[in-house]
């Protein structure tokens, strides 16, 4: 059985329409529900999703030269980009 769960760490290189959704596989409906319950315990962090979108743009295609270009290529606005960068930097500091 297959299903989808909300997961802010799920960002796809070639499928941005499914960013924030993770496909999961289980052996039966009860197992699928256990997996879904586990993901419901994990907070969906919008900044994590945005950071993933930024990372995808920065590691593919032509280089990004301006904040405006980054906004256009990610679909985010500048305040959200700054929040994502701050989230990413804080995470790097606390995770070592």
Protein backbone atom coordinates (compact mmCIF):
# COMPACT_ATOMS: atom_id res chain seq x y z
CA UNK A 1 0.00 0.00 0.00
CA UNK A 2 1.15 3.52 -0.76
CA UNK A 3 0.13 6.85 0.62
CA UNK A 4 1.37 10.37 1.26
CA UNK A 5 2.16 12.19 4.47
CA UNK A 6 2.91 15.85 5.16
CA UNK A 7 6.67 16.25 5.62
CA UNK A 8 8.40 19.62 5.47
CA UNK A 9 11.73 17.92 4.73
CA UNK A 10 10.42 16.41 1.48
CA UNK A 11 11.67 18.44 -1.50
CA UNK A 12 11.98 16.79 -4.90
CA UNK A 13 14.60 17.70 -7.51
CA UNK A 14 12.22 17.35 -10.46
CA UNK A 15 8.75 17.62 -8.91
CA UNK A 16 8.21 20.87 -6.98
CA UNK A 17 4.43 20.40 -7.01
CA UNK A 18 4.85 17.57 -4.50
CA UNK A 19 7.22 19.40 -2.16
CA UNK A 20 6.03 18.93 1.41
CA UNK A 21 4.53 15.50 0.71
CA UNK A 22 6.40 12.27 1.25
CA UNK A 23 5.30 9.06 -0.43
CA UNK A 24 5.32 6.15 2.01
CA UNK A 25 4.83 2.42 1.49
CA UNK A 26 3.33 -0.06 3.95
CA UNK A 27 2.35 -3.71 3.94
CA UNK A 28 -1.27 -3.11 4.95
CA UNK A 29 -3.77 -0.39 5.92
CA UNK A 30 -2.96 -0.74 9.64
CA UNK A 31 0.76 -0.33 8.94
CA UNK A 32 0.08 2.68 6.72
CA UNK A 33 -1.91 4.27 9.55
CA UNK A 34 1.00 3.67 11.96
CA UNK A 35 3.35 5.43 9.55
CA UNK A 36 0.90 8.32 9.15
CA UNK A 37 0.52 8.60 12.93
CA UNK A 38 4.29 8.84 13.27
CA UNK A 39 4.46 11.68 10.77
CA UNK A 40 1.61 13.51 12.53
CA UNK A 41 3.88 13.66 15.60
CA UNK A 42 6.55 15.49 13.58
CA UNK A 43 5.91 19.21 13.26
CA UNK A 44 5.60 20.61 9.74
CA UNK A 45 8.10 23.49 9.70
CA UNK A 46 7.40 25.87 6.84
CA UNK A 47 10.93 27.30 7.01
CA UNK A 48 12.36 23.79 6.55
CA UNK A 49 10.34 23.37 3.35
CA UNK A 50 11.41 26.80 2.10
CA UNK A 51 15.07 26.03 2.89
CA UNK A 52 14.74 22.87 0.81
CA UNK A 53 13.30 24.83 -2.11
CA UNK A 54 16.17 27.32 -1.87
CA UNK A 55 18.71 24.49 -1.72
CA UNK A 56 17.23 22.90 -4.83
CA UNK A 57 17.56 26.18 -6.78
CA UNK A 58 21.09 26.83 -5.54
CA UNK A 59 22.32 23.36 -6.52
CA UNK A 60 20.71 23.09 -9.94
CA UNK A 61 20.65 25.13 -13.10
CA UNK A 62 22.36 28.43 -13.57
CA UNK A 63 23.75 30.37 -10.59
CA UNK A 64 21.45 32.71 -8.68
CA UNK A 65 22.86 36.22 -8.59
CA UNK A 66 20.22 38.29 -6.77
CA UNK A 67 17.55 37.97 -4.12
CA UNK A 68 14.96 38.84 -6.78
CA UNK A 69 16.15 35.99 -8.98
CA UNK A 70 16.08 33.60 -6.01
CA UNK A 71 12.53 34.70 -5.23
CA UNK A 72 11.44 34.12 -8.82
CA UNK A 73 13.02 30.70 -9.03
CA UNK A 74 11.73 29.47 -5.65
CA UNK A 75 8.30 31.09 -5.68
CA UNK A 76 9.06 32.60 -2.26
CA UNK A 77 9.16 36.24 -1.29
CA UNK A 78 12.17 37.90 0.33
CA UNK A 79 10.91 37.76 3.95
CA UNK A 80 10.25 34.01 3.58
CA UNK A 81 13.69 33.48 2.05
CA UNK A 82 15.28 35.31 4.98
CA UNK A 83 13.25 33.23 7.48
CA UNK A 84 14.35 30.03 5.72
CA UNK A 85 18.01 31.09 5.80
CA UNK A 86 17.74 31.98 9.50
CA UNK A 87 16.08 28.61 10.22
CA UNK A 88 18.81 26.79 8.28
CA UNK A 89 21.62 28.68 10.02
CA UNK A 90 20.14 28.08 13.47
CA UNK A 91 19.73 24.41 12.72
CA UNK A 92 23.37 24.17 11.59
CA UNK A 93 24.48 25.87 14.84
CA UNK A 94 22.45 23.58 17.10
CA UNK A 95 23.13 20.33 15.20
CA UNK A 96 26.85 20.94 15.13
